[in-house]
Amino acid sequence: MSLELNDVKRIANLAKLDLSEAEAQSTLDKLNGFFTIAEQLNAVDTTGIEPLSHPLAALMPEFCLRLREDQVTESNQRDAYQRVAPTTQDGLYLVPKVIE
């Protein structure tokens, strides 16, 4: 995939950007460069490769995420928190309607 100069100008117009011809051409070259990199990445065969939690995990295992068990460590204090609220219902805070 590649863009043309008209595409860059249309995108700039939608984004309310005022680009000169030189800026538009420079932006076109940079965007097409990104698309070239993306196409190169898509061409790589990743069959059988497990996703990494962090890009450095393959080279430096110490950077892997250390996961812990999902355990409740605090007590439920919802009633205490909602006691100071002006209005609540069924454990939810009630607020005035702001959109008609």
C-alpha atoms as a PDB file:
ATOM      1  CA  MET A   1       0.000   0.000   0.000  1.00  0.00           C
ATOM      2  CA  SER A   2       1.216   3.491  -0.739  1.00  0.00           C
ATOM      3  CA  LEU A   3      -0.259   6.942  -0.595  1.00  0.00           C
ATOM      4  CA  GLU A   4      -0.228   9.682  -3.178  1.00  0.00           C
ATOM      5  CA  LEU A   5       0.229  13.403  -2.671  1.00  0.00           C
ATOM      6  CA  ASN A   6      -3.535  13.968  -3.015  1.00  0.00           C
ATOM      7  CA  ASP A   7      -4.129  11.533  -0.126  1.00  0.00           C
ATOM      8  CA  VAL A   8      -1.761  13.468   2.138  1.00  0.00           C
ATOM      9  CA  LYS A   9      -3.410  16.759   1.240  1.00  0.00           C
ATOM     10  CA  ARG A  10      -6.874  15.320   1.898  1.00  0.00           C
ATOM     11  CA  ILE A  11      -5.792  13.933   5.277  1.00  0.00           C
ATOM     12  CA  ALA A  12      -4.170  17.250   6.170  1.00  0.00           C
ATOM     13  CA  ASN A  13      -7.382  19.053   5.252  1.00  0.00           C
ATOM     14  CA  LEU A  14      -9.436  16.700   7.431  1.00  0.00           C
ATOM     15  CA  ALA A  15      -7.007  17.282  10.296  1.00  0.00           C
ATOM     16  CA  LYS A  16      -7.198  21.058   9.723  1.00  0.00           C
ATOM     17  CA  LEU A  17      -3.464  21.213   8.932  1.00  0.00           C
ATOM     18  CA  ASP A  18      -2.028  23.749   6.536  1.00  0.00           C
ATOM     19  CA  LEU A  19       0.838  21.997   4.726  1.00  0.00           C
ATOM     20  CA  SER A  20       3.045  23.550   2.085  1.00  0.00           C
ATOM     21  CA  GLU A  21       3.946  21.508  -1.001  1.00  0.00           C
ATOM     22  CA  ALA A  22       7.363  20.682   0.486  1.00  0.00           C
ATOM     23  CA  GLU A  23       5.833  19.613   3.820  1.00  0.00           C
ATOM     24  CA  ALA A  24       3.220  17.498   2.044  1.00  0.00           C
ATOM     25  CA  GLN A  25       5.902  15.778  -0.059  1.00  0.00           C
ATOM     26  CA  SER A  26       8.058  15.142   3.027  1.00  0.00           C
ATOM     27  CA  THR A  27       5.050  13.734   4.893  1.00  0.00           C
ATOM     28  CA  LEU A  28       4.214  11.527   1.903  1.00  0.00           C
ATOM     29  CA  ASP A  29       7.733  10.093   1.864  1.00  0.00           C
ATOM     30  CA  LYS A  30       7.625   9.397   5.625  1.00  0.00           C
ATOM     31  CA  LEU A  31       4.177   7.765   5.511  1.00  0.00           C
ATOM     32  CA  ASN A  32       5.120   5.569   2.569  1.00  0.00           C
ATOM     33  CA  GLY A  33       8.255   4.596   4.515  1.00  0.00           C
ATOM     34  CA  PHE A  34       6.042   3.422   7.388  1.00  0.00           C
ATOM     35  CA  PHE A  35       3.930   1.373   4.996  1.00  0.00           C
ATOM     36  CA  THR A  36       7.077  -0.222   3.551  1.00  0.00           C
ATOM     37  CA  ILE A  37       8.183  -1.272   7.042  1.00  0.00           C
ATOM     38  CA  ALA A  38       4.718  -2.666   7.805  1.00  0.00           C
ATOM     39  CA  GLU A  39       4.772  -4.691   4.576  1.00  0.00           C
ATOM     40  CA  GLN A  40       8.195  -6.094   5.483  1.00  0.00           C
ATOM     41  CA  LEU A  41       6.879  -7.119   8.909  1.00  0.00           C
ATOM     42  CA  ASN A  42       3.822  -8.768   7.362  1.00  0.00           C
ATOM     43  CA  ALA A  43       6.083 -10.766   5.033  1.00  0.00           C
ATOM     44  CA  VAL A  44       7.840 -12.488   7.956  1.00  0.00           C
ATOM     45  CA  ASP A  45       6.590 -16.024   8.646  1.00  0.00           C
ATOM     46  CA  THR A  46       5.594 -16.131  12.329  1.00  0.00           C
ATOM     47  CA  THR A  47       4.014 -19.578  12.300  1.00  0.00           C
ATOM     48  CA  GLY A  48       4.653 -21.280  15.642  1.00  0.00           C
ATOM     49  CA  ILE A  49       6.072 -18.153  17.302  1.00  0.00           C
ATOM     50  CA  GLU A  50       4.517 -17.345  20.675  1.00  0.00           C
ATOM     51  CA  PRO A  51       3.756 -13.676  21.367  1.00  0.00           C
ATOM     52  CA  LEU A  52       6.019 -11.947  23.888  1.00  0.00           C
ATOM     53  CA  SER A  53       4.795  -9.982  26.881  1.00  0.00           C
ATOM     54  CA  HIS A  54       7.643  -7.533  26.277  1.00  0.00           C
ATOM     55  CA  PRO A  55       9.925  -7.089  23.242  1.00  0.00           C
ATOM     56  CA  LEU A  56      13.037  -7.694  25.345  1.00  0.00           C
ATOM     57  CA  ALA A  57      11.685 -10.888  26.925  1.00  0.00           C
ATOM     58  CA  ALA A  58      13.333 -13.078  24.284  1.00  0.00           C
ATOM     59  CA  LEU A  59      16.775 -11.602  24.941  1.00  0.00           C
ATOM     60  CA  MET A  60      16.537 -10.727  28.626  1.00  0.00           C
ATOM     61  CA  PRO A  61      14.247 -13.032  30.635  1.00  0.00           C
ATOM     62  CA  GLU A  62      14.557 -10.779  33.688  1.00  0.00           C
ATOM     63  CA  PHE A  63      12.324  -8.268  31.892  1.00  0.00           C
ATOM     64  CA  CYS A  64       9.423 -10.732  31.721  1.00  0.00           C
ATOM     65  CA  LEU A  65       6.353  -9.762  33.685  1.00  0.00           C
ATOM     66  CA  ARG A  66       6.245 -11.362  37.074  1.00  0.00           C
ATOM     67  CA  LEU A  67       2.627 -12.348  37.517  1.00  0.00           C
ATOM     68  CA  ARG A  68       0.940 -12.880  40.843  1.00  0.00           C
ATOM     69  CA  GLU A  69      -2.275 -14.616  41.751  1.00  0.00           C
ATOM     70  CA  ASP A  70      -5.399 -12.505  41.502  1.00  0.00           C
ATOM     71  CA  GLN A  71      -6.428 -12.381  45.141  1.00  0.00           C
ATOM     72  CA  VAL A  72      -8.616  -9.931  47.051  1.00  0.00           C
ATOM     73  CA  THR A  73      -6.373  -8.111  49.524  1.00  0.00           C
ATOM     74  CA  GLU A  74      -8.719  -5.401  50.783  1.00  0.00           C
ATOM     75  CA  SER A  75     -12.145  -5.563  52.334  1.00  0.00           C
ATOM     76  CA  ASN A  76     -15.252  -4.231  50.614  1.00  0.00           C
ATOM     77  CA  GLN A  77     -15.812  -0.663  51.856  1.00  0.00           C
ATOM     78  CA  ARG A  78     -18.428   0.429  49.330  1.00  0.00           C
ATOM     79  CA  ASP A  79     -21.014   1.273  52.004  1.00  0.00           C
ATOM     80  CA  ALA A  80     -18.538   3.522  53.827  1.00  0.00           C
ATOM     81  CA  TYR A  81     -17.538   5.269  50.590  1.00  0.00           C
ATOM     82  CA  GLN A  82     -21.136   5.774  49.491  1.00  0.00           C
ATOM     83  CA  ARG A  83     -22.308   7.044  52.859  1.00  0.00           C
ATOM     84  CA  VAL A  84     -20.971  10.521  52.014  1.00  0.00           C
ATOM     85  CA  ALA A  85     -22.482  10.573  48.504  1.00  0.00           C
ATOM     86  CA  PRO A  86     -25.607  12.712  48.000  1.00  0.00           C
ATOM     87  CA  THR A  87     -27.603   9.893  46.373  1.00  0.00           C
ATOM     88  CA  THR A  88     -26.968   6.238  45.630  1.00  0.00           C
ATOM     89  CA  GLN A  89     -29.090   3.347  44.453  1.00  0.00           C
ATOM     90  CA  ASP A  90     -28.242  -0.366  44.339  1.00  0.00           C
ATOM     91  CA  GLY A  91     -24.559   0.373  44.993  1.00  0.00           C
ATOM     92  CA  LEU A  92     -24.312   2.998  42.220  1.00  0.00           C
ATOM     93  CA  TYR A  93     -23.761   6.722  42.498  1.00  0.00           C
ATOM     94  CA  LEU A  94     -26.649   8.768  41.085  1.00  0.00           C
ATOM     95  CA  VAL A  95     -25.720  11.972  39.295  1.00  0.00           C
ATOM     96  CA  PRO A  96     -27.803  14.665  37.581  1.00  0.00           C
ATOM     97  CA  LYS A  97     -28.545  14.155  33.900  1.00  0.00           C
ATOM     98  CA  VAL A  98     -26.298  16.421  31.825  1.00  0.00           C
ATOM     99  CA  ILE A  99     -27.245  15.334  28.292  1.00  0.00           C
ATOM    100  CA  GLU A 100     -30.737  15.805  26.963  1.00  0.00           C
END
